[in-house]
C-alpha atoms as a PDB file:
ATOM      1  CA  MET A   1      28.902   8.294  -1.120  1.00  0.00           C
ATOM      2  CA  ALA A   2      25.697   7.092   0.539  1.00  0.00           C
ATOM      3  CA  ARG A   3      24.900   9.417   3.454  1.00  0.00           C
ATOM      4  CA  HIS A   4      22.136   8.426   5.844  1.00  0.00           C
ATOM      5  CA  ILE A   5      20.729  10.940   8.332  1.00  0.00           C
ATOM      6  CA  ILE A   6      19.480   9.804  11.724  1.00  0.00           C
ATOM      7  CA  HIS A   7      17.463  12.362  13.702  1.00  0.00           C
ATOM      8  CA  PHE A   8      17.895  11.765  17.451  1.00  0.00           C
ATOM      9  CA  THR A   9      15.304  13.861  19.300  1.00  0.00           C
ATOM     10  CA  GLY A  10      14.729  12.820  22.881  1.00  0.00           C
ATOM     11  CA  PRO A  11      16.326  11.817  26.148  1.00  0.00           C
ATOM     12  CA  ILE A  12      19.275   9.469  26.455  1.00  0.00           C
ATOM     13  CA  ASN A  13      17.902   6.385  28.206  1.00  0.00           C
ATOM     14  CA  ALA A  14      17.631   2.605  27.797  1.00  0.00           C
ATOM     15  CA  SER A  15      14.954   2.863  25.123  1.00  0.00           C
ATOM     16  CA  THR A  16      16.594   5.499  22.921  1.00  0.00           C
ATOM     17  CA  CYS A  17      20.004   3.860  23.367  1.00  0.00           C
ATOM     18  CA  GLY A  18      18.685   0.547  22.037  1.00  0.00           C
ATOM     19  CA  ASN A  19      16.772   2.295  19.265  1.00  0.00           C
ATOM     20  CA  LEU A  20      19.793   4.293  18.108  1.00  0.00           C
ATOM     21  CA  ILE A  21      22.014   1.199  18.038  1.00  0.00           C
ATOM     22  CA  SER A  22      19.357  -0.663  16.059  1.00  0.00           C
ATOM     23  CA  THR A  23      18.793   2.250  13.663  1.00  0.00           C
ATOM     24  CA  CYS A  24      22.507   2.677  12.963  1.00  0.00           C
ATOM     25  CA  SER A  25      22.803  -1.054  12.304  1.00  0.00           C
ATOM     26  CA  ARG A  26      19.863  -0.976   9.872  1.00  0.00           C
ATOM     27  CA  ALA A  27      21.298   2.065   8.063  1.00  0.00           C
ATOM     28  CA  LEU A  28      24.629   0.274   7.662  1.00  0.00           C
ATOM     29  CA  ASP A  29      22.804  -2.793   6.330  1.00  0.00           C
ATOM     30  CA  LYS A  30      21.151  -0.483   3.757  1.00  0.00           C
ATOM     31  CA  GLY A  31      24.540   0.696   2.499  1.00  0.00           C
ATOM     32  CA  ALA A  32      25.238   3.818   4.565  1.00  0.00           C
ATOM     33  CA  GLU A  33      28.808   4.943   4.022  1.00  0.00           C
ATOM     34  CA  THR A  34      28.395   7.995   6.240  1.00  0.00           C
ATOM     35  CA  LEU A  35      26.019   8.464   9.164  1.00  0.00           C
ATOM     36  CA  GLN A  36      24.940  11.997  10.028  1.00  0.00           C
ATOM     37  CA  LEU A  37      23.413  12.075  13.496  1.00  0.00           C
ATOM     38  CA  ASN A  38      21.241  15.189  13.929  1.00  0.00           C
ATOM     39  CA  ILE A  39      20.824  15.668  17.678  1.00  0.00           C
ATOM     40  CA  ALA A  40      18.305  17.554  19.806  1.00  0.00           C
ATOM     41  CA  THR A  41      18.454  16.311  23.401  1.00  0.00           C
ATOM     42  CA  MET A  42      18.274  17.571  26.941  1.00  0.00           C
ATOM     43  CA  GLY A  43      20.572  14.709  27.947  1.00  0.00           C
ATOM     44  CA  GLY A  44      19.837  11.759  30.148  1.00  0.00           C
ATOM     45  CA  GLU A  45      21.491   8.843  31.859  1.00  0.00           C
ATOM     46  CA  CYS A  46      25.291   8.669  32.040  1.00  0.00           C
ATOM     47  CA  SER A  47      25.551   4.928  31.478  1.00  0.00           C
ATOM     48  CA  TYR A  48      23.628   5.099  28.193  1.00  0.00           C
ATOM     49  CA  GLY A  49      25.448   8.233  27.047  1.00  0.00           C
ATOM     50  CA  PHE A  50      28.837   6.571  27.484  1.00  0.00           C
ATOM     51  CA  THR A  51      27.494   3.416  25.810  1.00  0.00           C
ATOM     52  CA  LEU A  52      26.356   5.365  22.740  1.00  0.00           C
ATOM     53  CA  TYR A  53      29.642   7.272  22.579  1.00  0.00           C
ATOM     54  CA  ASN A  54      31.607   4.004  22.527  1.00  0.00           C
ATOM     55  CA  PHE A  55      29.210   2.404  20.026  1.00  0.00           C
ATOM     56  CA  LEU A  56      29.382   5.323  17.577  1.00  0.00           C
ATOM     57  CA  ARG A  57      33.185   5.535  17.827  1.00  0.00           C
ATOM     58  CA  ALA A  58      33.414   1.806  16.982  1.00  0.00           C
ATOM     59  CA  LEU A  59      31.288   1.940  13.830  1.00  0.00           C
ATOM     60  CA  PRO A  60      33.040   0.978  10.571  1.00  0.00           C
ATOM     61  CA  THR A  61      31.864   4.174   8.850  1.00  0.00           C
ATOM     62  CA  ALA A  62      32.247   7.925   9.252  1.00  0.00           C
ATOM     63  CA  VAL A  63      29.941   9.506  11.841  1.00  0.00           C
ATOM     64  CA  HIS A  64      29.065  13.202  11.619  1.00  0.00           C
ATOM     65  CA  THR A  65      27.150  14.760  14.517  1.00  0.00           C
ATOM     66  CA  HIS A  66      25.055  17.906  14.129  1.00  0.00           C
ATOM     67  CA  ASN A  67      23.372  20.052  16.797  1.00  0.00           C
ATOM     68  CA  LEU A  68      19.827  20.721  15.551  1.00  0.00           C
ATOM     69  CA  GLY A  69      19.039  23.207  18.323  1.00  0.00           C
ATOM     70  CA  THR A  70      20.072  22.064  21.771  1.00  0.00           C
ATOM     71  CA  VAL A  71      22.546  19.518  23.040  1.00  0.00           C
ATOM     72  CA  GLU A  72      22.578  19.375  26.814  1.00  0.00           C
ATOM     73  CA  SER A  73      24.216  17.451  29.612  1.00  0.00           C
ATOM     74  CA  MET A  74      24.985  13.841  28.578  1.00  0.00           C
ATOM     75  CA  GLY A  75      24.014  14.866  25.036  1.00  0.00           C
ATOM     76  CA  ASN A  76      27.447  16.507  24.804  1.00  0.00           C
ATOM     77  CA  ILE A  77      29.101  13.089  25.112  1.00  0.00           C
ATOM     78  CA  LEU A  78      26.832  11.639  22.418  1.00  0.00           C
ATOM     79  CA  PHE A  79      27.619  14.656  20.229  1.00  0.00           C
ATOM     80  CA  LEU A  80      31.393  14.370  20.710  1.00  0.00           C
ATOM     81  CA  ALA A  81      31.353  10.869  19.180  1.00  0.00           C
ATOM     82  CA  GLY A  82      31.235  12.520  15.765  1.00  0.00           C
ATOM     83  CA  GLU A  83      34.408  12.667  13.716  1.00  0.00           C
ATOM     84  CA  ARG A  84      33.003  15.833  12.119  1.00  0.00           C
ATOM     85  CA  ARG A  85      30.809  18.024  14.314  1.00  0.00           C
ATOM     86  CA  THR A  86      28.620  20.953  13.288  1.00  0.00           C
ATOM     87  CA  ALA A  87      25.859  23.096  14.770  1.00  0.00           C
ATOM     88  CA  CYS A  88      23.058  25.254  13.447  1.00  0.00           C
ATOM     89  CA  ARG A  89      23.467  29.006  13.736  1.00  0.00           C
ATOM     90  CA  TYR A  90      20.691  29.075  16.352  1.00  0.00           C
ATOM     91  CA  SER A  91      21.790  26.315  18.704  1.00  0.00           C
ATOM     92  CA  LYS A  92      23.352  25.813  22.122  1.00  0.00           C
ATOM     93  CA  PHE A  93      25.348  23.372  24.209  1.00  0.00           C
ATOM     94  CA  LEU A  94      24.724  23.137  27.975  1.00  0.00           C
ATOM     95  CA  PHE A  95      27.082  21.727  30.591  1.00  0.00           C
ATOM     96  CA  HIS A  96      25.622  21.475  34.120  1.00  0.00           C
ATOM     97  CA  PRO A  97      26.083  19.519  37.358  1.00  0.00           C
ATOM     98  CA  PHE A  98      25.162  15.842  37.463  1.00  0.00           C
ATOM     99  CA  HIS A  99      22.212  14.819  39.600  1.00  0.00           C
ATOM    100  CA  TRP A 100      20.565  11.579  40.564  1.00  0.00           C
ATOM    101  CA  THR A 101      17.071  10.848  41.796  1.00  0.00           C
ATOM    102  CA  LEU A 102      17.075   8.503  44.775  1.00  0.00           C
ATOM    103  CA  HIS A 103      14.009   6.478  45.714  1.00  0.00           C
ATOM    104  CA  GLY A 104      13.415   5.152  49.215  1.00  0.00           C
ATOM    105  CA  SER A 105      15.980   4.757  51.963  1.00  0.00           C
ATOM    106  CA  VAL A 106      19.690   4.482  51.262  1.00  0.00           C
ATOM    107  CA  ASP A 107      22.278   2.928  53.571  1.00  0.00           C
ATOM    108  CA  HIS A 108      25.851   4.156  53.998  1.00  0.00           C
ATOM    109  CA  ALA A 109      27.356   1.579  51.610  1.00  0.00           C
ATOM    110  CA  ARG A 110      24.884   2.453  48.836  1.00  0.00           C
ATOM    111  CA  MET A 111      25.455   6.208  49.336  1.00  0.00           C
ATOM    112  CA  ALA A 112      29.233   5.637  49.088  1.00  0.00           C
ATOM    113  CA  GLU A 113      28.678   3.644  45.886  1.00  0.00           C
ATOM    114  CA  TYR A 114      26.579   6.469  44.401  1.00  0.00           C
ATOM    115  CA  ALA A 115      29.220   9.077  45.275  1.00  0.00           C
ATOM    116  CA  MET A 116      31.964   6.896  43.800  1.00  0.00           C
ATOM    117  CA  SER A 117      29.948   6.402  40.619  1.00  0.00           C
ATOM    118  CA  LEU A 118      29.230  10.144  40.279  1.00  0.00           C
ATOM    119  CA  ASP A 119      32.937  10.920  40.697  1.00  0.00           C
ATOM    120  CA  TYR A 120      33.917   8.307  38.114  1.00  0.00           C
ATOM    121  CA  ASP A 121      31.307   9.534  35.604  1.00  0.00           C
ATOM    122  CA  LEU A 122      32.541  13.113  36.080  1.00  0.00           C
ATOM    123  CA  ARG A 123      36.151  12.081  35.361  1.00  0.00           C
ATOM    124  CA  LEU A 124      35.110  10.019  32.325  1.00  0.00           C
ATOM    125  CA  TYR A 125      32.978  12.881  30.950  1.00  0.00           C
ATOM    126  CA  ALA A 126      35.802  15.416  31.444  1.00  0.00           C
ATOM    127  CA  GLN A 127      38.322  13.057  29.822  1.00  0.00           C
ATOM    128  CA  ILE A 128      36.164  12.570  26.715  1.00  0.00           C
ATOM    129  CA  VAL A 129      35.586  16.321  26.333  1.00  0.00           C
ATOM    130  CA  ALA A 130      39.316  17.030  26.764  1.00  0.00           C
ATOM    131  CA  GLU A 131      40.325  14.385  24.195  1.00  0.00           C
ATOM    132  CA  ARG A 132      37.735  15.381  21.598  1.00  0.00           C
ATOM    133  CA  THR A 133      38.418  19.150  21.902  1.00  0.00           C
ATOM    134  CA  GLU A 134      42.205  18.898  22.152  1.00  0.00           C
ATOM    135  CA  GLY A 135      44.002  21.781  20.478  1.00  0.00           C
ATOM    136  CA  ALA A 136      41.086  24.220  20.788  1.00  0.00           C
ATOM    137  CA  ALA A 137      41.735  27.940  21.189  1.00  0.00           C
ATOM    138  CA  GLU A 138      39.993  27.853  24.585  1.00  0.00           C
ATOM    139  CA  VAL A 139      39.979  24.895  26.964  1.00  0.00           C
ATOM    140  CA  LEU A 140      36.681  24.000  28.640  1.00  0.00           C
ATOM    141  CA  ASP A 141      36.711  23.707  32.459  1.00  0.00           C
ATOM    142  CA  VAL A 142      34.383  20.715  32.468  1.00  0.00           C
ATOM    143  CA  PRO A 143      34.860  19.639  36.124  1.00  0.00           C
ATOM    144  CA  SER A 144      33.782  23.119  37.203  1.00  0.00           C
ATOM    145  CA  TYR A 145      30.686  23.014  34.970  1.00  0.00           C
ATOM    146  CA  LEU A 146      29.704  19.549  36.198  1.00  0.00           C
ATOM    147  CA  MET A 147      30.101  20.343  39.900  1.00  0.00           C
ATOM    148  CA  ALA A 148      28.900  23.895  40.433  1.00  0.00           C
ATOM    149  CA  TYR A 149      29.034  26.379  37.571  1.00  0.00           C
ATOM    150  CA  PRO A 150      26.892  25.493  34.534  1.00  0.00           C
ATOM    151  CA  ARG A 151      27.932  26.831  31.145  1.00  0.00           C
ATOM    152  CA  ILE A 152      26.091  27.427  27.894  1.00  0.00           C
ATOM    153  CA  LEU A 153      28.019  27.645  24.640  1.00  0.00           C
ATOM    154  CA  GLY A 154      26.557  29.211  21.537  1.00  0.00           C
ATOM    155  CA  PRO A 155      27.878  28.057  18.155  1.00  0.00           C
ATOM    156  CA  LYS A 156      30.696  30.646  18.024  1.00  0.00           C
ATOM    157  CA  GLU A 157      31.928  29.635  21.495  1.00  0.00           C
ATOM    158  CA  ALA A 158      31.508  25.953  20.628  1.00  0.00           C
ATOM    159  CA  PHE A 159      33.777  26.498  17.622  1.00  0.00           C
ATOM    160  CA  GLU A 160      36.403  28.288  19.735  1.00  0.00           C
ATOM    161  CA  ASN A 161      36.249  25.504  22.337  1.00  0.00           C
ATOM    162  CA  GLY A 162      36.601  22.682  19.802  1.00  0.00           C
ATOM    163  CA  MET A 163      33.112  21.251  20.296  1.00  0.00           C
ATOM    164  CA  ILE A 164      32.317  21.883  16.622  1.00  0.00           C
ATOM    165  CA  HIS A 165      34.292  22.182  13.420  1.00  0.00           C
ATOM    166  CA  ALA A 166      31.814  24.512  11.686  1.00  0.00           C
ATOM    167  CA  ILE A 167      28.553  26.396  12.004  1.00  0.00           C
ATOM    168  CA  ASP A 168      26.339  24.956   9.275  1.00  0.00           C
ATOM    169  CA  GLU A 169      22.596  24.530   8.740  1.00  0.00           C
ATOM    170  CA  MET A 170      23.238  21.128   7.111  1.00  0.00           C
ATOM    171  CA  ARG A 171      20.541  21.317   4.463  1.00  0.00           C
ATOM    172  CA  ILE A 172      18.984  17.963   3.640  1.00  0.00           C
ATOM    173  CA  GLU A 173      19.090  17.071  -0.034  1.00  0.00           C
ATOM    174  CA  ALA A 174      16.062  15.477  -1.666  1.00  0.00           C
ATOM    175  CA  GLY A 175      16.361  11.719  -1.772  1.00  0.00           C
ATOM    176  CA  THR A 176      18.608  11.447   1.289  1.00  0.00           C
ATOM    177  CA  SER A 177      17.828   8.387   3.423  1.00  0.00           C
ATOM    178  CA  GLN A 178      16.495   9.543   6.797  1.00  0.00           C
ATOM    179  CA  TRP A 179      15.764   7.697  10.023  1.00  0.00           C
ATOM    180  CA  SER A 180      14.334   8.872  13.336  1.00  0.00           C
ATOM    181  CA  VAL A 181      14.928   7.964  16.978  1.00  0.00           C
ATOM    182  CA  HIS A 182      12.811   9.760  19.570  1.00  0.00           C
ATOM    183  CA  ALA A 183      11.179   9.191  22.931  1.00  0.00           C
END
């Protein structure tokens, strides 16, 4: 089985979203039967995180996600796209409140739109986490983490909460096809 590894090390934004889609497509064109996405990210923009989640879930091949060291914020959604999910022994997952940076003046209608969008993104995020971790020994209180009380999960907690299926260093065999997407 031809396994291709894609190392994703950077923020989730328009540039890395386009690059990851392009890289996955090229790997598939080169015969990848399994994609292993090694992730190290501090997160990024919600719209691109949800886009990548949907893209990876739609691929015609198995996708395995692996936490190389830290998966934070919107990175959790990218990570949960994996059918099989693992993490290194020395890694973490961070859930924390959403925030936006506003530039210039904002009228009432635009502020209402922003609040509505934040609420929708929070519900979508919580729904994805709940679906992908269903049946876990401990249920994550994602709305709480995204609104006020951040939470860090180490690998053992991530296993108990259904974020990962195993703690594994995921050694890279010689000759494995590797790709890289970074900022």
